[in-house]
Amino acid sequence: MKVGTTAERTTAEVMQNLVGLLLAESPNLAVLQNEQTWRAIKQHAARHGVAALVAYAARSSVSEAERSWCDRVLVESWARHERMLWHLEFVLGVLTRERIPAISLKGPLLAERYYAPAFLRRPSGDLDVAVAASDIDRACKALVANGYRQDVSTSDALQRSHHVTLSHAGRPWVELHFRLSHATSGIPVEQFFERTVLRCLPGGLEARVLGAADQLLHLALHLAHSRFGPLFYLYEVRRAYRAESAAVRTEALKLAIDSHFCGALRMIDLAFRVRLGEPFLSSAPEVPATWLGWRMDERLFRDFERCSSPGRAMTVANRVWGRWLDLQLTDRPSDAIRLATLFARTARADLVDKKAWRQARKRRVVPVGQPL
């Protein structure tokens, strides 16, 4: 399936490379000398979630007028980071009062772990919190009692997803993860609790976060599950990868291999080589080959990028294409069959939901759990 003209693909490639020059450990500031190039870099950086990092790198080397753009981006990012810390403390406080163990995934506490200053991380649009599957119902009820609305039933989420989503009129939505990622193929979160470490939130509440190897594993799986869309995800994996020791990296890789995510690891390695000019799988352990390993090349990686590029319309054709790409990363035929079965079940459920919505609209009745 061919998507976009050759000229469009070439332009996107050039812009990704230019943005990458400013995200290097030693930024190449020469790209700032051309006003038109700098304008395009700002637009591309915003689309890919790295505007704050670009603004921080470029601020001292641009004109006074352009410095105001950098300052605006950084101030907005700082303010959003601070707000998200307080929102996270509210959510974890609700769960703590109900004696529900929870882990903060990604978000502002991850920012404080790997970024200096912390607000350089792309501001979170939601809060990801892990709770055991046995605690999901209680966690949802506790949050609903505090103003949230559960958007999908727990039973549906357990059969088709890796999290339950809850929305709120005045707060960021919350994703309660019972698996790390990858829907029903994801790793259950229960095993990660015993390896968590504590971080202190502004109001004094202590929050659990993933241990170092588990955190690197989660970021890598999230990158693959997002189909290598925004550049931000790739650069965040590199940031965490470089921050951790060889022992932590090895442990994270072993966890992924044992959980049959070898295809994801191999595609991440391709992404590192194509986009960053460096390997991801540079040391032990050896990652086993997958049944479709012969298909994994630079062309397939670029298909992933085009399919999930920020702002791309999620048409039916694009959804089908994305799911076809997901199948290429499966480790074994049995994994592919299970994933295809999930896709079919989800498609049928979506059709039922749409039919119920149309019928309800005719009767002026909104199905339970559906937005007005």
Protein backbone atom coordinates (compact mmCIF):
# COMPACT_ATOMS: atom_id res chain seq x y z
CA MET A 1 0.00 0.00 0.00
CA LYS A 2 1.57 3.28 -1.12
CA VAL A 3 0.78 6.37 0.92
CA GLY A 4 1.67 9.96 -0.02
CA THR A 5 3.67 11.21 -2.97
CA THR A 6 7.40 10.73 -3.26
CA ALA A 7 7.87 14.48 -2.72
CA GLU A 8 5.81 14.37 0.49
CA ARG A 9 7.76 11.42 1.83
CA THR A 10 11.08 13.10 0.97
CA THR A 11 10.04 16.33 2.72
CA ALA A 12 9.04 14.44 5.87
CA GLU A 13 12.34 12.58 5.81
CA VAL A 14 14.34 15.81 5.50
CA MET A 15 12.42 17.44 8.35
CA GLN A 16 12.90 14.45 10.65
CA ASN A 17 16.63 14.59 10.00
CA LEU A 18 16.77 18.35 10.65
CA VAL A 19 14.87 18.05 13.93
CA GLY A 20 17.17 15.18 14.88
CA LEU A 21 20.19 17.48 14.55
CA LEU A 22 18.81 19.64 17.36
CA LEU A 23 17.99 16.62 19.54
CA ALA A 24 21.51 15.21 19.44
CA GLU A 25 23.65 15.26 22.58
CA SER A 26 25.66 18.03 20.93
CA PRO A 27 23.01 19.93 18.89
CA ASN A 28 24.00 21.08 15.41
CA LEU A 29 22.96 24.73 15.63
CA ALA A 30 23.94 25.48 12.04
CA VAL A 31 20.42 24.52 10.93
CA LEU A 32 19.11 27.64 12.72
CA GLN A 33 20.80 30.02 10.30
CA ASN A 34 18.19 29.59 7.58
CA GLU A 35 14.94 31.32 8.58
CA GLN A 36 12.75 29.13 6.37
CA THR A 37 14.35 25.95 7.69
CA TRP A 38 13.93 27.09 11.29
CA ARG A 39 10.24 27.86 10.66
CA ALA A 40 9.70 24.37 9.27
CA ILE A 41 11.62 22.81 12.17
CA LYS A 42 9.33 24.51 14.69
CA GLN A 43 6.22 23.17 12.96
CA HIS A 44 7.62 19.66 12.66
CA ALA A 45 8.85 19.65 16.27
CA ALA A 46 5.41 20.60 17.55
CA ARG A 47 3.73 17.85 15.52
CA HIS A 48 6.17 15.24 16.84
CA GLY A 49 6.06 16.25 20.50
CA VAL A 50 9.62 17.58 20.79
CA ALA A 51 8.96 21.34 20.70
CA ALA A 52 10.23 21.93 24.25
CA LEU A 53 13.46 20.02 23.57
CA VAL A 54 14.02 21.97 20.34
CA ALA A 55 13.25 25.30 22.04
CA TYR A 56 15.68 24.53 24.86
CA ALA A 57 18.46 23.59 22.44
CA ALA A 58 17.90 26.56 20.12
CA ARG A 59 17.06 29.38 22.52
CA SER A 60 20.55 30.82 22.95
CA SER A 61 21.27 30.75 19.21
CA VAL A 62 18.20 32.41 17.65
CA SER A 63 17.13 36.03 17.29
CA GLU A 64 15.36 37.89 20.06
CA ALA A 65 12.04 37.53 18.24
CA GLU A 66 12.48 33.77 17.89
CA ARG A 67 13.64 33.52 21.48
CA SER A 68 10.17 34.62 22.52
CA TRP A 69 8.76 31.54 20.77
CA CYS A 70 11.23 29.35 22.67
CA ASP A 71 10.30 31.00 25.98
CA ARG A 72 6.57 30.59 25.31
CA VAL A 73 6.98 26.90 24.53
CA LEU A 74 9.09 26.31 27.63
CA VAL A 75 6.79 28.23 29.98
CA GLU A 76 3.73 26.39 28.67
CA SER A 77 5.52 23.07 29.05
CA TRP A 78 6.61 23.92 32.60
CA ALA A 79 3.09 24.96 33.62
CA ARG A 80 1.57 21.80 32.12
CA HIS A 81 4.14 19.62 33.89
CA GLU A 82 3.33 21.20 37.26
CA ARG A 83 -0.41 20.79 36.74
CA MET A 84 0.00 17.14 35.77
CA LEU A 85 1.96 16.45 38.96
CA TRP A 86 -0.96 17.74 41.04
CA HIS A 87 -3.52 15.85 38.95
CA LEU A 88 -1.48 12.68 39.40
CA GLU A 89 -1.36 13.21 43.16
CA PHE A 90 -5.16 13.58 43.21
CA VAL A 91 -5.70 10.30 41.32
CA LEU A 92 -3.17 8.34 43.37
CA GLY A 93 -4.62 9.85 46.54
CA VAL A 94 -8.07 8.51 45.61
CA LEU A 95 -6.64 5.03 45.07
CA THR A 96 -4.51 5.18 48.23
CA ARG A 97 -7.53 6.00 50.39
CA GLU A 98 -9.21 2.88 48.99
CA ARG A 99 -6.05 0.82 49.69
CA ILE A 100 -5.57 0.04 46.00
CA PRO A 101 -1.87 -0.38 45.09
CA ALA A 102 -1.00 1.61 41.96
CA ILE A 103 2.03 2.44 39.80
CA SER A 104 2.48 5.73 37.99
CA LEU A 105 3.43 4.96 34.38
CA LYS A 106 5.24 7.52 32.19
CA GLY A 107 3.91 11.04 32.72
CA PRO A 108 5.41 13.72 34.99
CA LEU A 109 7.31 11.32 37.26
CA LEU A 110 9.04 9.78 34.26
CA ALA A 111 9.94 13.32 33.22
CA GLU A 112 11.59 13.94 36.58
CA ARG A 113 13.52 10.71 36.20
CA TYR A 114 15.09 11.26 32.78
CA TYR A 115 14.85 14.96 31.91
CA ALA A 116 16.65 17.99 33.31
CA PRO A 117 14.70 20.18 33.66
CA ALA A 118 11.75 17.81 33.89
CA PHE A 119 9.36 20.01 31.88
CA LEU A 120 11.38 19.36 28.69
CA ARG A 121 9.45 16.12 28.33
CA ARG A 122 6.38 16.45 26.14
CA PRO A 123 3.50 17.44 28.45
CA SER A 124 1.22 14.49 29.10
CA GLY A 125 -2.32 14.59 27.79
CA ASP A 126 -3.47 11.87 30.19
CA LEU A 127 -2.38 9.98 33.27
CA ASP A 128 -1.33 6.33 32.96
CA VAL A 129 -1.67 4.34 36.18
CA ALA A 130 -1.20 0.59 36.60
CA VAL A 131 -3.40 -1.45 38.94
CA ALA A 132 -3.81 -5.20 39.24
CA ALA A 133 -6.61 -6.71 37.17
CA SER A 134 -8.28 -7.85 40.39
CA ASP A 135 -8.44 -4.21 41.54
CA ILE A 136 -9.75 -2.67 38.32
CA ASP A 137 -13.41 -2.58 39.32
CA ARG A 138 -12.67 -1.03 42.72
CA ALA A 139 -10.31 1.51 41.16
CA CYS A 140 -12.91 2.54 38.58
CA LYS A 141 -15.62 2.89 41.22
CA ALA A 142 -13.33 5.02 43.39
CA LEU A 143 -12.53 7.39 40.53
CA VAL A 144 -16.18 7.54 39.38
CA ALA A 145 -17.12 8.56 42.93
CA ASN A 146 -14.68 11.45 42.53
CA GLY A 147 -16.10 12.86 39.33
CA TYR A 148 -14.72 10.58 36.63
CA ARG A 149 -16.76 8.67 34.07
CA GLN A 150 -15.82 5.17 32.97
CA ASP A 151 -15.88 5.23 29.17
CA VAL A 152 -15.70 1.45 28.54
CA SER A 153 -16.96 -1.39 30.70
CA THR A 154 -14.36 -3.35 32.62
CA SER A 155 -15.37 -6.63 30.98
CA ASP A 156 -14.98 -5.17 27.47
CA ALA A 157 -11.60 -3.68 28.35
CA LEU A 158 -10.29 -6.96 29.76
CA GLN A 159 -11.29 -8.77 26.55
CA ARG A 160 -10.04 -6.20 24.04
CA SER A 161 -7.51 -3.82 25.59
CA HIS A 162 -4.73 -3.31 28.11
CA HIS A 163 -6.41 -0.48 30.04
CA VAL A 164 -9.69 1.11 31.10
CA THR A 165 -10.17 4.77 30.21
CA LEU A 166 -11.92 7.26 32.49
CA SER A 167 -12.73 10.86 31.56
CA HIS A 168 -13.42 13.95 33.66
CA ALA A 169 -14.94 17.31 32.80
CA GLY A 170 -12.13 19.30 34.43
CA ARG A 171 -9.18 16.92 34.74
CA PRO A 172 -6.98 14.89 32.35
CA TRP A 173 -8.40 11.50 31.47
CA VAL A 174 -6.95 8.47 33.23
CA GLU A 175 -5.89 5.16 31.71
CA LEU A 176 -5.91 2.37 34.29
CA HIS A 177 -3.52 -0.26 32.94
CA PHE A 178 -3.84 -3.90 33.89
CA ARG A 179 -1.30 -4.80 31.18
CA LEU A 180 1.66 -2.69 30.12
CA SER A 181 0.67 -2.37 26.45
CA HIS A 182 -0.31 -4.38 23.36
CA ALA A 183 -3.93 -5.08 24.32
CA THR A 184 -4.56 -8.72 25.27
CA SER A 185 -1.00 -9.69 24.28
CA GLY A 186 0.46 -7.33 26.86
CA ILE A 187 2.32 -8.23 30.03
CA PRO A 188 0.11 -8.25 33.17
CA VAL A 189 1.21 -5.53 35.57
CA GLU A 190 1.05 -7.64 38.76
CA GLN A 191 4.64 -8.84 38.39
CA PHE A 192 6.04 -5.30 38.40
CA PHE A 193 4.82 -4.18 41.83
CA GLU A 194 7.54 -5.93 43.80
CA ARG A 195 10.24 -4.11 41.80
CA THR A 196 8.81 -0.59 42.04
CA VAL A 197 10.64 2.36 43.59
CA LEU A 198 9.13 5.34 45.39
CA ARG A 199 8.99 8.96 44.23
CA CYS A 200 7.62 11.87 46.24
CA LEU A 201 4.90 14.10 44.76
CA PRO A 202 4.64 17.86 45.53
CA GLY A 203 2.00 17.37 48.24
CA GLY A 204 4.05 14.70 50.01
CA LEU A 205 2.32 11.56 48.71
CA GLU A 206 4.75 8.76 47.84
CA ALA A 207 4.10 7.22 44.44
CA ARG A 208 5.29 3.93 43.04
CA VAL A 209 7.09 4.00 39.69
CA LEU A 210 8.51 1.12 37.67
CA GLY A 211 11.96 -0.23 38.43
CA ALA A 212 14.68 0.80 35.98
CA ALA A 213 14.57 -2.31 33.75
CA ASP A 214 10.77 -2.43 33.78
CA GLN A 215 10.65 1.26 32.87
CA LEU A 216 12.94 0.77 29.88
CA LEU A 217 10.87 -2.25 28.84
CA HIS A 218 7.66 -0.23 29.02
CA LEU A 219 9.03 2.65 26.95
CA ALA A 220 10.31 0.26 24.29
CA LEU A 221 7.00 -1.61 24.07
CA HIS A 222 5.07 1.67 23.97
CA LEU A 223 7.22 2.83 21.05
CA ALA A 224 6.46 -0.34 19.09
CA HIS A 225 2.77 -0.30 20.04
CA SER A 226 2.49 3.31 18.80
CA ARG A 227 3.88 2.11 15.43
CA PHE A 228 6.83 4.51 15.65
CA GLY A 229 4.65 7.57 15.18
CA PRO A 230 5.84 10.80 16.87
CA LEU A 231 9.62 11.20 17.01
CA PHE A 232 9.24 11.93 20.72
CA TYR A 233 8.70 8.25 21.56
CA LEU A 234 11.90 7.17 19.80
CA TYR A 235 14.04 9.86 21.40
CA GLU A 236 12.59 9.06 24.82
CA VAL A 237 13.61 5.41 24.49
CA ARG A 238 17.10 6.53 23.55
CA ARG A 239 17.22 8.90 26.53
CA ALA A 240 16.24 6.14 28.96
CA TYR A 241 18.50 3.60 27.23
CA ARG A 242 21.54 5.85 27.61
CA ALA A 243 20.72 6.72 31.21
CA GLU A 244 20.69 3.11 32.39
CA SER A 245 23.54 0.69 32.96
CA ALA A 246 24.39 -2.26 30.72
CA ALA A 247 22.95 -4.58 33.36
CA VAL A 248 19.60 -2.76 33.33
CA ARG A 249 19.48 -2.83 29.53
CA THR A 250 20.17 -6.56 29.49
CA GLU A 251 17.46 -7.22 32.07
CA ALA A 252 14.93 -5.21 30.05
CA LEU A 253 15.78 -7.13 26.88
CA LYS A 254 15.44 -10.47 28.65
CA LEU A 255 12.01 -9.48 29.96
CA ALA A 256 10.90 -8.58 26.43
CA ILE A 257 12.30 -11.80 24.94
CA ASP A 258 10.64 -13.96 27.61
CA SER A 259 7.33 -12.23 26.87
CA HIS A 260 7.63 -12.87 23.09
CA PHE A 261 8.33 -9.30 21.98
CA CYS A 262 11.39 -10.15 19.87
CA GLY A 263 9.75 -8.68 16.77
CA ALA A 264 9.22 -5.38 18.57
CA LEU A 265 12.86 -5.34 19.71
CA ARG A 266 14.16 -5.98 16.20
CA MET A 267 12.01 -3.21 14.73
CA ILE A 268 13.18 -0.81 17.45
CA ASP A 269 16.75 -1.67 16.48
CA LEU A 270 15.89 -0.79 12.89
CA ALA A 271 14.38 2.50 14.05
CA PHE A 272 17.53 3.36 15.98
CA ARG A 273 19.74 2.61 13.00
CA VAL A 274 17.59 4.49 10.47
CA ARG A 275 16.68 7.53 12.57
CA LEU A 276 19.54 7.81 15.06
CA GLY A 277 22.44 6.18 13.25
CA GLU A 278 23.15 3.82 16.15
CA PRO A 279 22.07 0.33 17.23
CA PHE A 280 19.60 -0.55 19.97
CA LEU A 281 20.58 -4.23 20.12
CA SER A 282 24.31 -3.75 20.55
CA SER A 283 25.00 -6.33 23.26
CA ALA A 284 23.80 -9.55 24.86
CA PRO A 285 21.37 -11.18 25.07
CA GLU A 286 20.92 -12.35 21.51
CA VAL A 287 17.37 -11.64 20.36
CA PRO A 288 15.87 -14.73 18.65
CA ALA A 289 14.68 -14.45 15.07
CA THR A 290 10.94 -14.23 14.45
CA TRP A 291 8.85 -16.11 11.94
CA LEU A 292 8.53 -12.98 9.75
CA GLY A 293 12.02 -11.69 10.41
CA TRP A 294 12.85 -11.80 6.72
CA ARG A 295 10.33 -8.99 6.17
CA MET A 296 11.96 -6.64 8.65
CA ASP A 297 13.91 -4.06 6.70
CA GLU A 298 14.13 -0.30 6.32
CA ARG A 299 11.19 -0.25 3.93
CA LEU A 300 8.91 -1.86 6.50
CA PHE A 301 10.05 0.60 9.16
CA ARG A 302 9.24 3.54 6.90
CA ASP A 303 5.80 2.02 6.30
CA PHE A 304 5.27 2.08 10.07
CA GLU A 305 6.30 5.74 10.20
CA ARG A 306 4.00 6.75 7.36
CA CYS A 307 1.05 4.83 8.75
CA SER A 308 1.31 6.50 12.17
CA SER A 309 2.61 9.96 11.29
CA PRO A 310 1.06 12.64 13.56
CA GLY A 311 -2.11 14.18 12.16
CA ARG A 312 -2.78 11.34 9.77
CA ALA A 313 -6.50 10.66 9.37
CA MET A 314 -7.58 7.35 10.93
CA THR A 315 -9.58 6.09 7.98
CA VAL A 316 -10.77 2.51 7.73
CA ALA A 317 -8.03 1.81 5.18
CA ASN A 318 -5.37 3.23 7.47
CA ARG A 319 -6.63 1.21 10.43
CA VAL A 320 -6.48 -1.98 8.40
CA TRP A 321 -3.01 -1.11 7.17
CA GLY A 322 -1.83 -0.47 10.73
CA ARG A 323 -3.13 -3.81 11.92
CA TRP A 324 -1.45 -5.52 9.00
CA LEU A 325 1.82 -3.89 10.06
CA ASP A 326 1.30 -5.04 13.66
CA LEU A 327 1.13 -8.63 12.45
CA GLN A 328 4.64 -8.27 10.97
CA LEU A 329 6.09 -7.87 14.47
CA THR A 330 4.65 -11.08 15.93
CA ASP A 331 7.17 -13.63 17.12
CA ARG A 332 5.31 -16.80 16.14
CA PRO A 333 2.40 -17.89 13.92
CA SER A 334 0.35 -18.52 17.07
CA ASP A 335 0.91 -14.91 18.14
CA ALA A 336 -0.26 -13.68 14.73
CA ILE A 337 -3.40 -15.84 14.89
CA ARG A 338 -4.22 -14.56 18.37
CA LEU A 339 -3.71 -10.95 17.25
CA ALA A 340 -5.81 -11.40 14.12
CA THR A 341 -8.58 -12.94 16.25
CA LEU A 342 -8.48 -9.90 18.52
CA PHE A 343 -8.71 -7.57 15.52
CA ALA A 344 -11.74 -9.44 14.21
CA ARG A 345 -13.46 -9.43 17.60
CA THR A 346 -12.77 -5.72 18.03
CA ALA A 347 -14.10 -4.94 14.55
CA ARG A 348 -17.32 -6.83 15.25
CA ALA A 349 -17.75 -5.04 18.58
CA ASP A 350 -17.16 -1.67 16.92
CA LEU A 351 -19.86 -2.43 14.35
CA VAL A 352 -22.29 -3.37 17.10
CA ASP A 353 -21.46 -0.17 19.01
CA LYS A 354 -22.04 1.97 15.90
CA LYS A 355 -25.32 0.24 15.15
CA ALA A 356 -26.50 0.76 18.74
CA TRP A 357 -25.49 4.40 18.54
CA ARG A 358 -27.44 4.99 15.31
CA GLN A 359 -30.54 3.32 16.74
CA ALA A 360 -30.25 5.28 19.98
CA ARG A 361 -29.92 8.53 18.08
CA LYS A 362 -33.19 7.79 16.28
CA ARG A 363 -34.87 7.19 19.65
CA ARG A 364 -32.98 10.09 21.28
CA VAL A 365 -31.47 7.64 23.75
CA VAL A 366 -27.73 7.50 24.37
CA PRO A 367 -26.21 4.03 25.03
CA VAL A 368 -24.66 3.61 28.48
CA GLY A 369 -21.03 4.68 28.49
CA GLN A 370 -21.29 6.65 25.22
CA PRO A 371 -20.59 10.41 25.16
CA LEU A 372 -23.38 12.84 24.33
